[in-house]
């Protein structure tokens, strides 16, 4: 296994991390990549924003 994850792998981990606890190795690979990739950091921020917006929408009924 490579230590540095690809953008595709990181996008999958970011999505999966919304629904389950990531393992230590997954977190390490994710965080190392996010240190150097602004695009993936932005994608992660967008996922968090969309999930929060959908939660607010559902709560309103």
PDB file of N, CA and C in Angstrom:
ATOM      1  N   UNK A   1       0.840  -1.181   0.000  1.00  0.00           N
ATOM      2  CA  UNK A   1       0.000   0.000   0.000  1.00  0.00           C
ATOM      3  C   UNK A   1       0.886   1.246   0.000  1.00  0.00           C
ATOM      4  N   UNK A   2       0.523   2.192  -0.846  1.00  0.00           N
ATOM      5  CA  UNK A   2       1.219   3.470  -0.871  1.00  0.00           C
ATOM      6  C   UNK A   2       0.764   4.325   0.311  1.00  0.00           C
ATOM      7  N   UNK A   3       1.694   5.109   0.837  1.00  0.00           N
ATOM      8  CA  UNK A   3       1.334   5.985   1.963  1.00  0.00           C
ATOM      9  C   UNK A   3       0.493   7.161   1.481  1.00  0.00           C
ATOM     10  N   UNK A   4       0.888   7.783   0.354  1.00  0.00           N
ATOM     11  CA  UNK A   4       0.150   8.944  -0.151  1.00  0.00           C
ATOM     12  C   UNK A   4      -1.026   8.474  -0.992  1.00  0.00           C
ATOM     13  N   UNK A   5      -2.216   8.875  -0.595  1.00  0.00           N
ATOM     14  CA  UNK A   5      -3.437   8.507  -1.312  1.00  0.00           C
ATOM     15  C   UNK A   5      -3.610   9.404  -2.537  1.00  0.00           C
ATOM     16  N   UNK A   6      -4.325   8.890  -3.520  1.00  0.00           N
ATOM     17  CA  UNK A   6      -4.669   9.685  -4.696  1.00  0.00           C
ATOM     18  C   UNK A   6      -5.913  10.525  -4.387  1.00  0.00           C
ATOM     19  N   UNK A   7      -6.186  11.500  -5.237  1.00  0.00           N
ATOM     20  CA  UNK A   7      -7.380  12.325  -5.054  1.00  0.00           C
ATOM     21  C   UNK A   7      -8.642  11.461  -5.107  1.00  0.00           C
ATOM     22  N   UNK A   8      -8.668  10.476  -5.968  1.00  0.00           N
ATOM     23  CA  UNK A   8      -9.829   9.587  -6.054  1.00  0.00           C
ATOM     24  C   UNK A   8     -10.020   8.831  -4.739  1.00  0.00           C
ATOM     25  N   UNK A   9      -8.939   8.281  -4.195  1.00  0.00           N
ATOM     26  CA  UNK A   9      -9.026   7.563  -2.926  1.00  0.00           C
ATOM     27  C   UNK A   9      -9.475   8.486  -1.799  1.00  0.00           C
ATOM     28  N   UNK A  10      -8.961   9.707  -1.798  1.00  0.00           N
ATOM     29  CA  UNK A  10      -9.316  10.671  -0.754  1.00  0.00           C
ATOM     30  C   UNK A  10     -10.784  11.061  -0.858  1.00  0.00           C
ATOM     31  N   UNK A  11     -11.290  11.252  -2.064  1.00  0.00           N
ATOM     32  CA  UNK A  11     -12.706  11.601  -2.200  1.00  0.00           C
ATOM     33  C   UNK A  11     -13.583  10.469  -1.666  1.00  0.00           C
ATOM     34  N   UNK A  12     -13.173   9.225  -1.904  1.00  0.00           N
ATOM     35  CA  UNK A  12     -13.914   8.084  -1.367  1.00  0.00           C
ATOM     36  C   UNK A  12     -13.836   8.043   0.155  1.00  0.00           C
ATOM     37  N   UNK A  13     -12.646   8.291   0.704  1.00  0.00           N
ATOM     38  CA  UNK A  13     -12.489   8.282   2.164  1.00  0.00           C
ATOM     39  C   UNK A  13     -13.288   9.407   2.812  1.00  0.00           C
ATOM     40  N   UNK A  14     -13.286  10.579   2.191  1.00  0.00           N
ATOM     41  CA  UNK A  14     -14.058  11.695   2.732  1.00  0.00           C
ATOM     42  C   UNK A  14     -15.539  11.355   2.758  1.00  0.00           C
ATOM     43  N   UNK A  15     -16.026  10.729   1.708  1.00  0.00           N
ATOM     44  CA  UNK A  15     -17.433  10.326   1.654  1.00  0.00           C
ATOM     45  C   UNK A  15     -17.729   9.248   2.690  1.00  0.00           C
ATOM     46  N   UNK A  16     -16.880   8.236   2.751  1.00  0.00           N
ATOM     47  CA  UNK A  16     -17.085   7.149   3.709  1.00  0.00           C
ATOM     48  C   UNK A  16     -16.993   7.643   5.145  1.00  0.00           C
ATOM     49  N   UNK A  17     -16.129   8.619   5.377  1.00  0.00           N
ATOM     50  CA  UNK A  17     -15.952   9.160   6.721  1.00  0.00           C
ATOM     51  C   UNK A  17     -17.184   9.860   7.259  1.00  0.00           C
ATOM     52  N   UNK A  18     -18.120  10.196   6.383  1.00  0.00           N
ATOM     53  CA  UNK A  18     -19.380  10.790   6.827  1.00  0.00           C
ATOM     54  C   UNK A  18     -20.300   9.743   7.438  1.00  0.00           C
ATOM     55  N   UNK A  19     -20.077   8.473   7.069  1.00  0.00           N
ATOM     56  CA  UNK A  19     -20.989   7.406   7.483  1.00  0.00           C
ATOM     57  C   UNK A  19     -20.377   6.381   8.430  1.00  0.00           C
ATOM     58  N   UNK A  20     -19.058   6.370   8.546  1.00  0.00           N
ATOM     59  CA  UNK A  20     -18.410   5.390   9.419  1.00  0.00           C
ATOM     60  C   UNK A  20     -17.105   5.960   9.950  1.00  0.00           C
ATOM     61  N   UNK A  21     -16.623   5.347  11.010  1.00  0.00           N
ATOM     62  CA  UNK A  21     -15.342   5.728  11.610  1.00  0.00           C
ATOM     63  C   UNK A  21     -14.218   5.185  10.725  1.00  0.00           C
ATOM     64  N   UNK A  22     -13.321   6.048  10.288  1.00  0.00           N
ATOM     65  CA  UNK A  22     -12.184   5.604   9.489  1.00  0.00           C
ATOM     66  C   UNK A  22     -11.128   4.999  10.407  1.00  0.00           C
ATOM     67  N   UNK A  23     -10.397   4.026   9.886  1.00  0.00           N
ATOM     68  CA  UNK A  23      -9.314   3.414  10.639  1.00  0.00           C
ATOM     69  C   UNK A  23      -8.102   4.328  10.716  1.00  0.00           C
ATOM     70  N   UNK A  24      -7.150   3.966  11.560  1.00  0.00           N
ATOM     71  CA  UNK A  24      -5.947   4.790  11.735  1.00  0.00           C
ATOM     72  C   UNK A  24      -5.194   4.992  10.430  1.00  0.00           C
ATOM     73  N   UNK A  25      -4.998   3.901   9.694  1.00  0.00           N
ATOM     74  CA  UNK A  25      -4.277   3.996   8.425  1.00  0.00           C
ATOM     75  C   UNK A  25      -4.995   4.875   7.423  1.00  0.00           C
ATOM     76  N   UNK A  26      -6.318   4.747   7.376  1.00  0.00           N
ATOM     77  CA  UNK A  26      -7.112   5.572   6.473  1.00  0.00           C
ATOM     78  C   UNK A  26      -6.999   7.049   6.855  1.00  0.00           C
ATOM     79  N   UNK A  27      -7.097   7.320   8.156  1.00  0.00           N
ATOM     80  CA  UNK A  27      -6.982   8.711   8.622  1.00  0.00           C
ATOM     81  C   UNK A  27      -5.615   9.295   8.289  1.00  0.00           C
ATOM     82  N   UNK A  28      -4.574   8.486   8.482  1.00  0.00           N
ATOM     83  CA  UNK A  28      -3.215   8.949   8.193  1.00  0.00           C
ATOM     84  C   UNK A  28      -3.069   9.297   6.721  1.00  0.00           C
ATOM     85  N   UNK A  29      -3.486   8.388   5.842  1.00  0.00           N
ATOM     86  CA  UNK A  29      -3.389   8.631   4.402  1.00  0.00           C
ATOM     87  C   UNK A  29      -4.214   9.850   4.001  1.00  0.00           C
ATOM     88  N   UNK A  30      -5.399   9.974   4.567  1.00  0.00           N
ATOM     89  CA  UNK A  30      -6.282  11.101   4.272  1.00  0.00           C
ATOM     90  C   UNK A  30      -5.638  12.417   4.687  1.00  0.00           C
ATOM     91  N   UNK A  31      -5.172  12.485   5.928  1.00  0.00           N
ATOM     92  CA  UNK A  31      -4.607  13.731   6.440  1.00  0.00           C
ATOM     93  C   UNK A  31      -3.315  14.123   5.737  1.00  0.00           C
ATOM     94  N   UNK A  32      -2.479  13.152   5.386  1.00  0.00           N
ATOM     95  CA  UNK A  32      -1.256  13.466   4.637  1.00  0.00           C
ATOM     96  C   UNK A  32      -1.604  14.086   3.291  1.00  0.00           C
ATOM     97  N   UNK A  33      -2.591  13.523   2.626  1.00  0.00           N
ATOM     98  CA  UNK A  33      -2.990  14.051   1.323  1.00  0.00           C
ATOM     99  C   UNK A  33      -3.589  15.448   1.456  1.00  0.00           C
ATOM    100  N   UNK A  34      -4.441  15.619   2.477  1.00  0.00           N
ATOM    101  CA  UNK A  34      -5.102  16.914   2.653  1.00  0.00           C
ATOM    102  C   UNK A  34      -4.112  18.033   2.972  1.00  0.00           C
ATOM    103  N   UNK A  35      -2.962  17.680   3.534  1.00  0.00           N
ATOM    104  CA  UNK A  35      -1.940  18.694   3.810  1.00  0.00           C
ATOM    105  C   UNK A  35      -1.420  19.346   2.529  1.00  0.00           C
ATOM    106  N   UNK A  36      -1.435  18.593   1.444  1.00  0.00           N
ATOM    107  CA  UNK A  36      -0.819  19.094   0.214  1.00  0.00           C
ATOM    108  C   UNK A  36      -1.806  19.352  -0.925  1.00  0.00           C
ATOM    109  N   UNK A  37      -3.070  18.990  -0.751  1.00  0.00           N
ATOM    110  CA  UNK A  37      -4.018  19.092  -1.868  1.00  0.00           C
ATOM    111  C   UNK A  37      -5.198  20.000  -1.510  1.00  0.00           C
ATOM    112  N   UNK A  38      -5.153  21.210  -2.028  1.00  0.00           N
ATOM    113  CA  UNK A  38      -6.212  22.178  -1.757  1.00  0.00           C
ATOM    114  C   UNK A  38      -7.544  21.745  -2.362  1.00  0.00           C
ATOM    115  N   UNK A  39      -7.516  21.107  -3.506  1.00  0.00           N
ATOM    116  CA  UNK A  39      -8.749  20.654  -4.145  1.00  0.00           C
ATOM    117  C   UNK A  39      -9.506  19.661  -3.276  1.00  0.00           C
ATOM    118  N   UNK A  40      -8.786  18.728  -2.677  1.00  0.00           N
ATOM    119  CA  UNK A  40      -9.429  17.736  -1.809  1.00  0.00           C
ATOM    120  C   UNK A  40      -9.897  18.367  -0.505  1.00  0.00           C
ATOM    121  N   UNK A  41      -9.159  19.344   0.012  1.00  0.00           N
ATOM    122  CA  UNK A  41      -9.626  20.068   1.203  1.00  0.00           C
ATOM    123  C   UNK A  41     -10.946  20.774   0.894  1.00  0.00           C
ATOM    124  N   UNK A  42     -11.018  21.412  -0.278  1.00  0.00           N
ATOM    125  CA  UNK A  42     -12.260  22.080  -0.687  1.00  0.00           C
ATOM    126  C   UNK A  42     -13.399  21.081  -0.821  1.00  0.00           C
ATOM    127  N   UNK A  43     -13.118  19.925  -1.416  1.00  0.00           N
ATOM    128  CA  UNK A  43     -14.141  18.891  -1.567  1.00  0.00           C
ATOM    129  C   UNK A  43     -14.640  18.438  -0.195  1.00  0.00           C
ATOM    130  N   UNK A  44     -13.736  18.244   0.747  1.00  0.00           N
ATOM    131  CA  UNK A  44     -14.116  17.855   2.101  1.00  0.00           C
ATOM    132  C   UNK A  44     -15.004  18.902   2.754  1.00  0.00           C
ATOM    133  N   UNK A  45     -14.655  20.170   2.573  1.00  0.00           N
ATOM    134  CA  UNK A  45     -15.479  21.262   3.124  1.00  0.00           C
ATOM    135  C   UNK A  45     -16.874  21.260   2.501  1.00  0.00           C
ATOM    136  N   UNK A  46     -16.940  20.983   1.199  1.00  0.00           N
ATOM    137  CA  UNK A  46     -18.228  20.954   0.505  1.00  0.00           C
ATOM    138  C   UNK A  46     -19.107  19.812   1.013  1.00  0.00           C
ATOM    139  N   UNK A  47     -18.510  18.656   1.258  1.00  0.00           N
ATOM    140  CA  UNK A  47     -19.278  17.520   1.773  1.00  0.00           C
ATOM    141  C   UNK A  47     -19.890  17.869   3.132  1.00  0.00           C
ATOM    142  N   UNK A  48     -19.088  18.469   4.000  1.00  0.00           N
ATOM    143  CA  UNK A  48     -19.577  18.848   5.336  1.00  0.00           C
ATOM    144  C   UNK A  48     -20.705  19.875   5.210  1.00  0.00           C
ATOM    145  N   UNK A  49     -20.524  20.851   4.331  1.00  0.00           N
ATOM    146  CA  UNK A  49     -21.540  21.892   4.135  1.00  0.00           C
ATOM    147  C   UNK A  49     -22.851  21.298   3.621  1.00  0.00           C
ATOM    148  N   UNK A  50     -22.766  20.441   2.603  1.00  0.00           N
ATOM    149  CA  UNK A  50     -23.972  19.846   2.019  1.00  0.00           C
ATOM    150  C   UNK A  50     -24.698  18.972   3.028  1.00  0.00           C
ATOM    151  N   UNK A  51     -23.932  18.194   3.787  1.00  0.00           N
ATOM    152  CA  UNK A  51     -24.566  17.318   4.787  1.00  0.00           C
ATOM    153  C   UNK A  51     -25.291  18.149   5.847  1.00  0.00           C
ATOM    154  N   UNK A  52     -24.676  19.236   6.301  1.00  0.00           N
ATOM    155  CA  UNK A  52     -25.302  20.104   7.299  1.00  0.00           C
ATOM    156  C   UNK A  52     -26.549  20.781   6.721  1.00  0.00           C
ATOM    157  N   UNK A  53     -26.480  21.216   5.465  1.00  0.00           N
ATOM    158  CA  UNK A  53     -27.625  21.864   4.830  1.00  0.00           C
ATOM    159  C   UNK A  53     -28.785  20.886   4.685  1.00  0.00           C
ATOM    160  N   UNK A  54     -28.492  19.655   4.308  1.00  0.00           N
ATOM    161  CA  UNK A  54     -29.545  18.649   4.167  1.00  0.00           C
ATOM    162  C   UNK A  54     -30.166  18.312   5.529  1.00  0.00           C
ATOM    163  N   UNK A  55     -29.345  18.268   6.563  1.00  0.00           N
ATOM    164  CA  UNK A  55     -29.865  17.996   7.905  1.00  0.00           C
ATOM    165  C   UNK A  55     -30.822  19.104   8.329  1.00  0.00           C
ATOM    166  N   UNK A  56     -30.425  20.363   8.080  1.00  0.00           N
ATOM    167  CA  UNK A  56     -31.305  21.492   8.424  1.00  0.00           C
ATOM    168  C   UNK A  56     -32.615  21.430   7.626  1.00  0.00           C
ATOM    169  N   UNK A  57     -32.515  21.061   6.361  1.00  0.00           N
ATOM    170  CA  UNK A  57     -33.693  20.973   5.508  1.00  0.00           C
ATOM    171  C   UNK A  57     -34.660  19.909   6.023  1.00  0.00           C
ATOM    172  N   UNK A  58     -34.140  18.752   6.374  1.00  0.00           N
ATOM    173  CA  UNK A  58     -34.975  17.656   6.877  1.00  0.00           C
ATOM    174  C   UNK A  58     -35.614  18.032   8.211  1.00  0.00           C
ATOM    175  N   UNK A  59     -34.861  18.714   9.060  1.00  0.00           N
ATOM    176  CA  UNK A  59     -35.385  19.096  10.382  1.00  0.00           C
ATOM    177  C   UNK A  59     -36.533  20.094  10.258  1.00  0.00           C
ATOM    178  N   UNK A  60     -36.524  20.899   9.214  1.00  0.00           N
ATOM    179  CA  UNK A  60     -37.602  21.876   9.019  1.00  0.00           C
ATOM    180  C   UNK A  60     -38.901  21.195   8.620  1.00  0.00           C
ATOM    181  N   UNK A  61     -38.796  20.031   8.014  1.00  0.00           N
ATOM    182  CA  UNK A  61     -40.001  19.267   7.637  1.00  0.00           C
ATOM    183  C   UNK A  61     -40.490  19.656   6.342  1.00  0.00           C
TER     184      UNK A  61
END
